[in-house]
Amino acid sequence: MTLSYDYLYDAVTAHAVGLRSRLELEPLGGPGDKIFPPTYSTPEAAETQYAVEDRTLVGADGPVTVRSIVLDSVASQANHLELAALEAVRSGSLAAPVTSVDFAGRGLFGIDRISDYEAPHRIFDAILRDSFDGDDLFRHGATGRAITEATSRNASALLHHSPHTLVFGGWDSTGPKGGRGAKYERALTSEIVAHGVRCGVKTASRIDPLGVELKAGPVYESADVLGWTLDEHSAVQEKGNKAKLYSRGGERPGRPSNLNHGNVTPSINSRAGGITAAEIIGTTVLSFIQLRRLRFPTSVTGDVIPADQRAAAEGAARTALAALGLAAIVLGYEQGFDLRSRCVLVPRSKLTFELVGRAGAVETVEVNSAAALELVTEAAQRAHALQLGWRASEMVLRPSERLVELIRRSQDVAATGGGES
């Protein structure tokens, strides 16, 4: 069936636990092609740098335990879905609030405008905290004070200024209340996992077209613009008037390979050598239970909603949040699954949802992006009519000079090779 506003409203407010989707994926190269999961910092003795788990799946013959690897975590999937929603907002197809910090014209390389859809802590992020709303720091202005005082028991201000924070979750740990700041559980979670995996190996080698040899060194560090020299007398001197061997993260200082000159000896990496998988599943859940925990006793202007209108108003607000989450899922699906280099996935079927009832009854529903965006528009309008809508305009903040200088210094450090690895 096609999901209508009225049906979604009834599901959110009364008869359903939530929506879920289980999407089968495969590598772009086809079944059995090697893909590369994200790597993590692990001890050298660890077998792999991947997030390996044993998971129990239920098949035709009952439960079975398989080796699984996370290809895209809940946090990473949230980032993908938020960016898909942001792109729709920027294009004008989705009317939802955005709060951004404008860095244009500040001489910062590669940084233009950063929104609460991109910032790690969403509307609560330090990037926004350290920026100005007019003449006031963001948290000292009317909007900042409203989101600081909001809680799950009165989330009207957050609904108005950053509804996606209520959908994807957030913790106001960077604000004036510190660790006592309000916490909002994720209503939407998504994860992509490969099951029945076998780890492979990755080979590496390179022939230097310049033919630079190891014995052409040693290479020393210099204080000039090039940063290195073959002349130990003009090199940077260490204690004891000893020329300092050049090392830029290399294991053996002084080798030309530290300059990225020279051949790369053929090697095999078995700790991050990619995987093949029997199946790849993307699982997405939108919890109506969590949305029903959110309370909206006051309007966006702070007035108490009359008791005889509150149930309808809160139901409309929660339905608007559900529609926004649903739209993000569908938009993310239509953007595709290019997770990282050598990990591009394609769906084996179209996206469908299961609406799960309180007693476990399941009903299949379909929603494309056009229908999902229409749902958001209608839901936002109905919530607005009941004094619980959200603003559709973008709020643009001005970064503080201290924040700009911190970024500039960081970029200078990175440009000179002194950044953290």
Protein backbone atom coordinates (compact mmCIF):
# COMPACT_ATOMS: atom_id res chain seq x y z
CA MET A 1 0.00 0.00 0.00
CA THR A 2 1.00 3.65 -0.44
CA LEU A 3 1.54 5.52 2.81
CA SER A 4 -0.79 8.50 3.29
CA TYR A 5 -0.58 11.20 5.93
CA ASP A 6 -3.68 9.97 7.77
CA TYR A 7 -2.38 6.42 7.88
CA LEU A 8 1.04 7.57 9.10
CA TYR A 9 -0.63 9.75 11.76
CA ASP A 10 -2.67 6.83 13.04
CA ALA A 11 0.39 4.58 13.03
CA VAL A 12 2.57 7.07 14.93
CA THR A 13 -0.06 8.02 17.49
CA ALA A 14 -1.79 4.72 18.07
CA HIS A 15 -1.36 1.32 16.47
CA ALA A 16 2.25 0.89 15.35
CA VAL A 17 5.64 0.33 16.95
CA GLY A 18 7.58 1.68 14.00
CA LEU A 19 8.80 1.23 10.45
CA ARG A 20 11.61 -1.03 9.32
CA SER A 21 13.37 -1.85 6.10
CA ARG A 22 15.63 -4.77 5.26
CA LEU A 23 17.50 -4.15 2.03
CA GLU A 24 19.66 -6.73 0.28
CA LEU A 25 22.78 -5.24 -1.31
CA GLU A 26 25.66 -6.50 -3.41
CA PRO A 27 28.98 -5.08 -4.64
CA LEU A 28 28.81 -2.95 -7.76
CA GLY A 29 31.18 -5.47 -9.34
CA GLY A 30 28.64 -8.21 -8.73
CA PRO A 31 28.19 -11.04 -6.19
CA GLY A 32 31.50 -12.29 -4.83
CA ASP A 33 33.44 -9.15 -5.74
CA LYS A 34 35.83 -7.94 -3.04
CA ILE A 35 34.86 -4.86 -1.01
CA PHE A 36 36.68 -2.93 1.68
CA PRO A 37 35.09 -2.23 5.09
CA PRO A 38 36.20 0.71 7.27
CA THR A 39 39.38 0.07 9.27
CA TYR A 40 39.91 0.82 12.95
CA SER A 41 42.92 1.27 15.20
CA THR A 42 43.74 -2.17 16.61
CA PRO A 43 46.72 -3.79 18.33
CA GLU A 44 49.39 -5.09 15.97
CA ALA A 45 48.63 -8.62 17.12
CA ALA A 46 44.97 -8.32 16.09
CA GLU A 47 43.91 -10.55 13.23
CA THR A 48 42.14 -7.77 11.38
CA GLN A 49 41.47 -4.02 11.46
CA TYR A 50 37.80 -4.54 10.64
CA ALA A 51 34.82 -4.55 13.03
CA VAL A 52 34.26 -8.32 13.08
CA GLU A 53 31.34 -9.84 14.98
CA ASP A 54 29.58 -13.17 15.31
CA ARG A 55 25.89 -12.66 14.56
CA THR A 56 22.95 -15.02 14.75
CA LEU A 57 20.74 -15.15 11.68
CA VAL A 58 17.51 -17.07 11.34
CA GLY A 59 17.28 -19.16 8.20
CA ALA A 60 14.98 -21.85 6.88
CA ASP A 61 16.69 -24.43 9.10
CA GLY A 62 16.66 -22.26 12.21
CA PRO A 63 19.25 -19.98 13.88
CA VAL A 64 22.80 -20.03 12.54
CA THR A 65 25.88 -18.09 13.72
CA VAL A 66 27.89 -16.39 10.99
CA ARG A 67 30.97 -14.19 10.87
CA SER A 68 29.93 -10.64 10.10
CA ILE A 69 31.63 -7.29 9.49
CA VAL A 70 30.10 -3.83 9.81
CA LEU A 71 30.38 -2.01 6.48
CA ASP A 72 28.65 1.19 7.60
CA SER A 73 27.91 1.95 11.25
CA VAL A 74 24.83 3.60 12.70
CA ALA A 75 26.70 6.90 13.08
CA SER A 76 28.06 6.78 9.53
CA GLN A 77 24.66 5.90 8.07
CA ALA A 78 23.14 8.82 9.97
CA ASN A 79 25.68 11.11 8.31
CA HIS A 80 24.75 9.77 4.85
CA LEU A 81 21.03 10.22 5.46
CA GLU A 82 21.43 13.71 6.92
CA LEU A 83 23.49 14.82 3.92
CA ALA A 84 20.81 13.45 1.58
CA ALA A 85 18.19 15.47 3.48
CA LEU A 86 20.41 18.58 3.46
CA GLU A 87 20.85 18.32 -0.30
CA ALA A 88 17.07 18.23 -0.68
CA VAL A 89 16.76 21.31 1.54
CA ARG A 90 19.42 23.15 -0.46
CA SER A 91 17.67 22.27 -3.73
CA GLY A 92 14.33 23.52 -2.42
CA SER A 93 12.53 20.17 -2.57
CA LEU A 94 12.42 19.77 1.22
CA ALA A 95 11.25 22.57 3.49
CA ALA A 96 13.06 22.06 6.79
CA PRO A 97 15.13 24.33 9.04
CA VAL A 98 18.90 24.59 8.72
CA THR A 99 21.31 26.44 10.99
CA SER A 100 24.69 27.16 9.39
CA VAL A 101 27.98 28.87 10.12
CA ASP A 102 29.27 30.87 7.14
CA PHE A 103 33.07 30.74 6.78
CA ALA A 104 33.14 32.23 3.26
CA GLY A 105 35.69 34.99 2.75
CA ARG A 106 37.69 34.07 5.85
CA GLY A 107 40.66 32.66 3.92
CA LEU A 108 40.12 29.09 5.10
CA PHE A 109 40.95 26.40 2.57
CA GLY A 110 38.06 24.11 1.65
CA ILE A 111 35.60 25.48 4.24
CA ASP A 112 32.60 27.47 3.10
CA ARG A 113 29.37 26.87 5.05
CA ILE A 114 28.83 24.16 7.68
CA SER A 115 25.32 23.30 8.85
CA ASP A 116 23.84 21.44 11.79
CA TYR A 117 23.20 18.56 9.37
CA GLU A 118 26.97 18.20 8.88
CA ALA A 119 28.29 19.09 12.34
CA PRO A 120 29.01 15.99 14.49
CA HIS A 121 26.73 17.08 17.36
CA ARG A 122 24.08 18.61 15.11
CA ILE A 123 22.45 21.75 16.59
CA PHE A 124 24.48 21.29 19.79
CA ASP A 125 27.88 21.29 18.08
CA ALA A 126 30.75 23.49 19.25
CA ILE A 127 31.03 24.97 15.74
CA LEU A 128 27.66 26.65 16.28
CA ARG A 129 28.33 27.34 19.96
CA ASP A 130 31.46 29.34 19.05
CA SER A 131 29.66 31.46 16.46
CA PHE A 132 27.48 34.58 16.62
CA ASP A 133 23.77 35.09 16.11
CA GLY A 134 23.85 38.80 15.32
CA ASP A 135 25.76 40.45 18.16
CA ASP A 136 25.26 37.54 20.57
CA LEU A 137 27.03 34.23 20.81
CA PHE A 138 24.66 31.59 19.46
CA ARG A 139 23.86 30.11 22.86
CA HIS A 140 23.17 33.61 24.25
CA GLY A 141 20.68 34.53 21.53
CA ALA A 142 16.96 33.73 21.54
CA THR A 143 17.32 30.56 19.44
CA GLY A 144 20.32 29.27 21.39
CA ARG A 145 18.64 29.83 24.74
CA ALA A 146 15.51 28.05 23.54
CA ILE A 147 17.37 24.90 22.43
CA THR A 148 19.44 24.94 25.63
CA GLU A 149 16.32 24.92 27.79
CA ALA A 150 14.51 22.29 25.68
CA THR A 151 14.17 18.73 27.01
CA SER A 152 12.44 15.59 25.83
CA ARG A 153 9.51 16.64 28.04
CA ASN A 154 9.25 19.94 26.20
CA ALA A 155 10.97 19.67 22.83
CA SER A 156 8.95 22.34 21.02
CA ALA A 157 11.95 24.64 20.50
CA LEU A 158 14.04 21.83 19.06
CA LEU A 159 11.17 20.80 16.79
CA HIS A 160 11.02 24.37 15.52
CA HIS A 161 14.75 24.91 14.97
CA SER A 162 16.29 21.46 14.39
CA PRO A 163 13.76 18.64 13.99
CA HIS A 164 16.35 16.30 12.48
CA THR A 165 18.16 16.36 15.85
CA LEU A 166 15.05 14.78 17.37
CA VAL A 167 15.04 12.16 14.59
CA PHE A 168 18.75 11.25 14.63
CA GLY A 169 19.40 11.94 18.30
CA GLY A 170 21.64 14.35 20.15
CA TRP A 171 23.22 15.28 23.47
CA ASP A 172 23.70 18.87 24.51
CA SER A 173 27.06 18.18 26.14
CA THR A 174 28.81 21.26 24.72
CA GLY A 175 26.35 23.85 26.00
CA PRO A 176 26.09 25.81 29.27
CA LYS A 177 24.83 22.75 31.19
CA GLY A 178 27.74 20.54 30.15
CA GLY A 179 27.14 16.87 30.83
CA ARG A 180 23.75 17.73 32.34
CA GLY A 181 22.49 18.94 28.98
CA ALA A 182 19.43 17.32 27.46
CA LYS A 183 19.76 13.96 25.71
CA TYR A 184 17.60 12.77 22.85
CA GLU A 185 17.61 9.11 21.87
CA ARG A 186 17.86 8.20 18.19
CA ALA A 187 14.48 7.49 16.64
CA LEU A 188 16.09 6.47 13.34
CA THR A 189 18.91 3.92 13.13
CA SER A 190 20.44 2.35 10.07
CA GLU A 191 23.35 -0.06 9.58
CA ILE A 192 24.91 -2.04 6.73
CA VAL A 193 26.48 -5.39 7.64
CA ALA A 194 28.17 -8.11 5.57
CA HIS A 195 27.41 -11.68 6.69
CA GLY A 196 29.29 -14.90 5.98
CA VAL A 197 32.52 -13.04 5.33
CA ARG A 198 35.97 -14.19 4.28
CA CYS A 199 38.92 -11.84 4.72
CA GLY A 200 41.31 -11.37 1.83
CA VAL A 201 44.68 -9.73 1.31
CA LYS A 202 45.75 -6.47 -0.29
CA THR A 203 48.94 -6.18 -2.30
CA ALA A 204 51.00 -3.03 -2.79
CA SER A 205 53.98 -2.13 -4.96
CA ARG A 206 55.25 0.78 -7.01
CA ILE A 207 58.01 1.39 -9.54
CA ASP A 208 59.52 4.87 -9.27
CA PRO A 209 59.75 6.43 -12.77
CA LEU A 210 62.74 8.48 -11.54
CA GLY A 211 64.62 5.38 -10.45
CA VAL A 212 65.56 6.83 -7.05
CA GLU A 213 67.53 4.21 -5.11
CA LEU A 214 67.84 3.62 -1.37
CA LYS A 215 71.60 4.14 -1.47
CA ALA A 216 71.13 7.64 -2.94
CA GLY A 217 70.46 8.79 0.64
CA PRO A 218 70.65 9.47 3.46
CA VAL A 219 68.22 12.39 3.36
CA TYR A 220 68.37 15.07 6.04
CA GLU A 221 65.82 17.58 7.32
CA SER A 222 66.40 21.18 6.25
CA ALA A 223 64.92 24.48 7.37
CA ASP A 224 64.32 25.81 3.85
CA VAL A 225 61.11 25.65 1.83
CA LEU A 226 61.86 22.20 0.40
CA GLY A 227 62.24 20.73 3.87
CA TRP A 228 64.97 18.19 3.02
CA THR A 229 68.56 18.08 1.83
CA LEU A 230 71.31 15.63 0.94
CA ASP A 231 73.95 17.92 2.46
CA GLU A 232 74.43 17.09 6.13
CA HIS A 233 76.26 20.40 6.70
CA SER A 234 73.19 22.47 5.72
CA ALA A 235 70.78 20.18 7.56
CA VAL A 236 68.92 20.92 10.77
CA GLN A 237 71.26 20.07 13.63
CA GLU A 238 70.28 17.93 16.59
CA LYS A 239 72.06 17.78 19.94
CA GLY A 240 75.76 17.19 19.55
CA ASN A 241 75.82 19.01 16.19
CA LYS A 242 74.49 15.93 14.46
CA ALA A 243 72.55 16.30 11.20
CA LYS A 244 68.89 15.33 11.66
CA LEU A 245 67.72 12.52 9.39
CA TYR A 246 64.52 13.26 7.50
CA SER A 247 61.43 11.43 8.72
CA ARG A 248 57.85 12.21 7.90
CA GLY A 249 56.06 9.32 9.52
CA GLY A 250 58.57 6.87 8.08
CA GLU A 251 59.78 3.92 10.12
CA ARG A 252 63.40 4.37 9.00
CA PRO A 253 64.55 8.01 8.98
CA GLY A 254 66.87 9.13 6.20
CA ARG A 255 65.47 6.90 3.47
CA PRO A 256 64.35 8.58 0.20
CA SER A 257 61.05 6.72 0.61
CA ASN A 258 60.19 9.16 3.42
CA LEU A 259 60.03 11.78 0.65
CA ASN A 260 57.76 9.49 -1.38
CA HIS A 261 60.61 8.95 -3.85
CA GLY A 262 61.82 5.48 -4.74
CA ASN A 263 60.29 2.10 -5.38
CA VAL A 264 57.72 0.54 -3.03
CA THR A 265 58.71 -3.00 -2.22
CA PRO A 266 55.89 -5.45 -3.04
CA SER A 267 53.99 -6.31 0.15
CA ILE A 268 50.89 -8.15 1.32
CA ASN A 269 48.46 -6.75 3.90
CA SER A 270 46.31 -9.44 5.48
CA ARG A 271 44.83 -7.25 8.26
CA ALA A 272 42.95 -4.90 5.93
CA GLY A 273 42.88 -6.81 2.67
CA GLY A 274 39.18 -6.53 1.86
CA ILE A 275 36.45 -9.13 2.18
CA THR A 276 33.97 -11.20 0.23
CA ALA A 277 30.55 -11.88 1.72
CA ALA A 278 27.72 -14.34 1.29
CA GLU A 279 25.19 -11.53 1.77
CA ILE A 280 25.05 -7.83 2.62
CA ILE A 281 22.06 -6.43 4.48
CA GLY A 282 21.08 -2.84 5.21
CA THR A 283 18.70 -2.61 8.15
CA THR A 284 16.85 0.61 8.96
CA VAL A 285 14.47 1.20 11.86
CA LEU A 286 12.29 4.24 12.62
CA SER A 287 10.94 3.96 16.17
CA PHE A 288 7.52 5.46 16.82
CA ILE A 289 7.97 4.51 20.47
CA GLN A 290 10.79 7.04 20.80
CA LEU A 291 8.78 9.72 18.99
CA ARG A 292 5.89 9.18 21.42
CA ARG A 293 8.27 9.85 24.32
CA LEU A 294 8.78 13.39 23.07
CA ARG A 295 6.45 15.95 24.61
CA PHE A 296 5.33 19.28 23.15
CA PRO A 297 3.26 21.06 25.82
CA THR A 298 3.98 24.57 24.50
CA SER A 299 3.77 26.19 21.10
CA VAL A 300 6.83 27.43 19.21
CA THR A 301 6.19 30.86 20.74
CA GLY A 302 6.21 29.42 24.27
CA ASP A 303 2.46 29.58 24.92
CA VAL A 304 0.86 26.62 26.66
CA ILE A 305 -1.20 24.54 24.23
CA PRO A 306 -4.79 24.18 25.51
CA ALA A 307 -5.48 20.79 27.05
CA ASP A 308 -8.21 19.93 24.55
CA GLN A 309 -5.79 20.56 21.63
CA ARG A 310 -2.62 19.04 23.01
CA ALA A 311 -3.13 15.41 21.93
CA ALA A 312 -3.82 16.44 18.33
CA ALA A 313 -0.92 18.92 18.30
CA GLU A 314 1.58 16.44 19.72
CA GLY A 315 0.38 13.76 17.32
CA ALA A 316 0.92 16.13 14.40
CA ALA A 317 4.41 17.04 15.66
CA ARG A 318 5.45 13.39 16.00
CA THR A 319 4.00 12.55 12.59
CA ALA A 320 6.02 15.40 11.06
CA LEU A 321 9.18 13.97 12.62
CA ALA A 322 8.33 10.50 11.31
CA ALA A 323 7.77 11.92 7.83
CA LEU A 324 11.10 13.75 7.97
CA GLY A 325 12.92 10.56 8.98
CA LEU A 326 11.15 8.57 6.27
CA ALA A 327 12.13 11.15 3.66
CA ALA A 328 15.79 11.01 4.75
CA ILE A 329 15.76 7.20 4.34
CA VAL A 330 14.24 7.33 0.87
CA LEU A 331 16.49 10.18 -0.29
CA GLY A 332 19.54 8.29 0.99
CA TYR A 333 18.45 5.18 -0.89
CA GLU A 334 18.03 7.10 -4.12
CA GLN A 335 21.48 8.69 -3.74
CA GLY A 336 23.04 5.22 -3.68
CA PHE A 337 25.56 3.40 -1.51
CA ASP A 338 29.06 4.60 -2.40
CA LEU A 339 30.42 4.07 1.11
CA ARG A 340 34.13 4.59 0.41
CA SER A 341 36.85 3.64 -2.07
CA ARG A 342 36.30 0.07 -3.26
CA CYS A 343 33.06 -0.29 -1.30
CA VAL A 344 30.27 0.67 -3.70
CA LEU A 345 27.06 -1.31 -3.20
CA VAL A 346 23.86 -1.59 -5.21
CA PRO A 347 20.41 -2.75 -4.05
CA ARG A 348 19.12 -6.08 -5.29
CA SER A 349 15.53 -4.86 -4.98
CA LYS A 350 13.53 -1.66 -4.58
CA LEU A 351 13.14 -0.07 -1.18
CA THR A 352 10.07 -1.19 0.77
CA PHE A 353 9.04 -0.71 4.38
CA GLU A 354 7.29 -2.86 6.90
CA LEU A 355 4.93 -1.12 9.28
CA VAL A 356 5.08 -3.12 12.52
CA GLY A 357 1.99 -3.10 14.72
CA ARG A 358 1.84 -3.30 18.50
CA ALA A 359 0.97 -7.01 18.39
CA GLY A 360 3.64 -7.78 15.78
CA ALA A 361 1.38 -7.57 12.72
CA VAL A 362 3.35 -6.46 9.66
CA GLU A 363 2.09 -4.48 6.69
CA THR A 364 4.23 -3.66 3.65
CA VAL A 365 4.20 -0.06 2.43
CA GLU A 366 6.01 1.69 -0.40
CA VAL A 367 7.20 5.29 -0.49
CA ASN A 368 9.27 6.97 -3.21
CA SER A 369 11.03 10.29 -2.80
CA ALA A 370 8.23 12.36 -4.35
CA ALA A 371 5.65 10.83 -2.02
CA ALA A 372 7.98 11.13 0.98
CA LEU A 373 8.61 14.83 0.32
CA GLU A 374 4.87 15.44 -0.08
CA LEU A 375 4.32 13.71 3.27
CA VAL A 376 6.82 16.02 4.94
CA THR A 377 5.18 19.10 3.43
CA GLU A 378 1.70 18.07 4.53
CA ALA A 379 2.86 16.95 7.98
CA ALA A 380 4.76 20.19 8.60
CA GLN A 381 1.74 22.25 7.53
CA ARG A 382 -0.60 20.33 9.83
CA ALA A 383 1.77 20.69 12.76
CA HIS A 384 2.14 24.40 12.01
CA ALA A 385 -1.66 24.81 12.03
CA LEU A 386 -1.61 23.41 15.57
CA GLN A 387 1.21 25.80 16.65
CA LEU A 388 3.96 23.18 16.47
CA GLY A 389 5.53 23.70 13.05
CA TRP A 390 9.15 24.32 12.17
CA ARG A 391 10.79 27.25 10.44
CA ALA A 392 11.59 26.69 6.79
CA SER A 393 14.32 29.32 6.43
CA GLU A 394 18.05 28.94 6.99
CA MET A 395 19.62 30.64 9.98
CA VAL A 396 23.16 31.79 9.20
CA LEU A 397 25.66 32.40 12.00
CA ARG A 398 28.98 34.30 11.93
CA PRO A 399 32.03 32.40 13.21
CA SER A 400 33.95 34.00 16.04
CA GLU A 401 37.41 35.30 15.21
CA ARG A 402 38.92 32.85 17.70
CA LEU A 403 37.29 29.91 15.91
CA VAL A 404 38.53 31.17 12.55
CA GLU A 405 42.06 31.60 13.92
CA LEU A 406 41.99 28.10 15.45
CA ILE A 407 41.06 26.62 12.07
CA ARG A 408 43.67 28.73 10.26
CA ARG A 409 46.44 27.61 12.62
CA SER A 410 45.32 23.99 12.25
CA GLN A 411 45.46 24.26 8.47
CA ASP A 412 48.96 25.80 8.69
CA VAL A 413 50.13 22.95 10.90
CA ALA A 414 48.67 20.35 8.53
CA ALA A 415 50.26 22.05 5.51
CA THR A 416 53.71 21.81 7.08
CA GLY A 417 53.29 18.13 7.97
CA GLY A 418 52.94 18.65 11.70
CA GLY A 419 49.38 17.44 12.07
CA GLU A 420 48.18 14.40 13.96
CA SER A 421 48.13 11.16 12.04
